[in-house]
Amino acid sequence: MELDDKALGKRMIARIKADMTQDRLSTVLEMSPSHVSNIETGTTRISLTALVNIANVLGGSVDNLIYGSVVHAKPQLERERQQIVDSCDNYEFRVVKEVTHSVVDALRANEKLKDNS
């Protein structure tokens, strides 16, 4: 997956909604204001550490910074899932299917419990 630096930078502007200036964000992240600006404009690559730190400071998730929303992430996630499945032999594929089925069942059961509380 290729990271879209410009789109990520635009989503980073969420700092404005958090009433955080670029200078304040750079101070909290221990980065120079120019580096934060370059990340926001998509003119520089962002490290994984910086990405996680920014998500934590802005109170969001790395997923939202990278993809914007889970809806937009679904096609990429489906491609990645297909690559994983394609690389499996028959035994691995069966185990992946069984584990996936169990996880989905548990998630749905948990969701029903949450809805009833």
Protein backbone atom coordinates (compact mmCIF):
# COMPACT_ATOMS: atom_id res chain seq x y z
CA MET A 1 0.00 0.00 0.00
CA GLU A 2 1.34 3.41 -0.93
CA LEU A 3 0.75 6.11 1.68
CA ASP A 4 -0.84 9.28 0.30
CA ASP A 5 1.22 11.92 2.12
CA LYS A 6 -0.90 14.85 0.92
CA ALA A 7 -4.19 13.26 2.02
CA LEU A 8 -2.65 12.32 5.37
CA GLY A 9 -1.46 15.90 5.80
CA LYS A 10 -4.93 17.25 5.10
CA ARG A 11 -6.41 14.91 7.70
CA MET A 12 -3.79 16.09 10.17
CA ILE A 13 -5.39 19.50 10.02
CA ALA A 14 -7.75 17.95 12.58
CA ARG A 15 -5.49 19.81 15.00
CA ILE A 16 -7.53 22.91 14.16
CA LYS A 17 -10.70 21.20 15.43
CA ALA A 18 -8.75 20.38 18.58
CA ASP A 19 -7.89 24.09 18.95
CA MET A 20 -4.23 23.32 18.49
CA THR A 21 -1.92 25.57 16.55
CA GLN A 22 0.84 24.17 14.41
CA ASP A 23 3.38 25.62 16.85
CA ARG A 24 1.69 23.93 19.82
CA LEU A 25 1.51 20.62 17.97
CA SER A 26 5.18 20.84 17.05
CA THR A 27 6.07 21.54 20.69
CA VAL A 28 4.05 18.59 21.99
CA LEU A 29 5.51 16.31 19.31
CA GLU A 30 9.02 17.66 19.87
CA MET A 31 9.32 18.49 16.16
CA SER A 32 10.18 21.71 14.45
CA PRO A 33 7.22 23.77 13.23
CA SER A 34 8.60 23.52 9.70
CA HIS A 35 8.64 19.71 9.90
CA VAL A 36 5.00 19.67 11.07
CA SER A 37 4.16 22.05 8.22
CA ASN A 38 5.92 19.79 5.72
CA ILE A 39 3.98 16.79 7.00
CA GLU A 40 0.71 18.71 6.73
CA THR A 41 1.44 19.80 3.17
CA GLY A 42 2.57 16.32 2.20
CA THR A 43 6.03 17.48 1.14
CA THR A 44 7.83 15.13 3.50
CA ARG A 45 7.37 11.48 4.46
CA ILE A 46 6.18 10.77 7.96
CA SER A 47 7.75 8.16 10.19
CA LEU A 48 5.61 5.52 11.86
CA THR A 49 6.58 6.89 15.27
CA ALA A 50 5.50 10.40 14.29
CA LEU A 51 2.26 9.07 12.83
CA VAL A 52 1.37 7.28 16.07
CA ASN A 53 2.36 10.30 18.16
CA ILE A 54 0.24 12.63 16.04
CA ALA A 55 -2.78 10.32 16.31
CA ASN A 56 -2.34 10.17 20.08
CA VAL A 57 -1.99 13.94 20.46
CA LEU A 58 -5.00 14.66 18.24
CA GLY A 59 -7.09 12.00 19.97
CA GLY A 60 -7.71 10.06 16.78
CA SER A 61 -6.54 6.84 15.28
CA VAL A 62 -3.73 6.01 12.91
CA ASP A 63 -6.37 4.45 10.63
CA ASN A 64 -8.20 7.74 10.33
CA LEU A 65 -4.99 9.60 9.54
CA ILE A 66 -3.98 7.07 6.91
CA TYR A 67 -7.33 6.21 5.34
CA GLY A 68 -9.62 9.02 6.41
CA SER A 69 -12.34 6.57 7.37
CA VAL A 70 -12.95 2.88 7.54
CA VAL A 71 -15.33 3.20 4.57
CA HIS A 72 -12.48 4.42 2.39
CA ALA A 73 -10.16 1.81 3.86
CA LYS A 74 -12.34 -1.15 2.94
CA PRO A 75 -11.13 -1.54 -0.69
CA GLN A 76 -7.50 -1.43 0.44
CA LEU A 77 -8.17 -3.84 3.28
CA GLU A 78 -9.95 -6.20 0.89
CA ARG A 79 -6.93 -6.18 -1.44
CA GLU A 80 -4.60 -6.89 1.46
CA ARG A 81 -6.86 -9.69 2.69
CA GLN A 82 -6.91 -11.22 -0.77
CA GLN A 83 -3.10 -11.10 -0.97
CA ILE A 84 -2.88 -12.94 2.34
CA VAL A 85 -5.39 -15.58 1.25
CA ASP A 86 -3.69 -16.02 -2.11
CA SER A 87 -0.39 -16.74 -0.37
CA CYS A 88 -1.87 -19.53 1.80
CA ASP A 89 -1.59 -23.23 1.10
CA ASN A 90 -4.71 -25.38 1.60
CA TYR A 91 -4.05 -26.03 5.29
CA GLU A 92 -3.31 -22.37 6.08
CA PHE A 93 -6.37 -21.28 4.15
CA ARG A 94 -8.60 -23.61 6.18
CA VAL A 95 -7.14 -22.33 9.47
CA VAL A 96 -7.52 -18.69 8.39
CA LYS A 97 -11.15 -19.36 7.42
CA GLU A 98 -11.93 -21.04 10.76
CA VAL A 99 -10.22 -18.34 12.81
CA THR A 100 -11.95 -15.59 10.82
CA HIS A 101 -15.31 -17.26 11.30
CA SER A 102 -14.70 -17.56 15.06
CA VAL A 103 -13.63 -13.94 15.35
CA VAL A 104 -16.67 -12.67 13.44
CA ASP A 105 -19.00 -14.82 15.59
CA ALA A 106 -17.38 -13.45 18.77
CA LEU A 107 -17.61 -9.85 17.53
CA ARG A 108 -21.27 -10.24 16.64
CA ALA A 109 -22.08 -11.91 19.97
CA ASN A 110 -20.28 -9.12 21.81
CA GLU A 111 -22.16 -6.50 19.78
CA LYS A 112 -25.49 -8.09 20.79
CA LEU A 113 -24.43 -8.01 24.45
CA LYS A 114 -23.44 -4.37 24.11
CA ASP A 115 -26.78 -3.50 22.47
CA ASN A 116 -28.71 -5.19 25.30
CA SER A 117 -26.93 -3.34 28.09
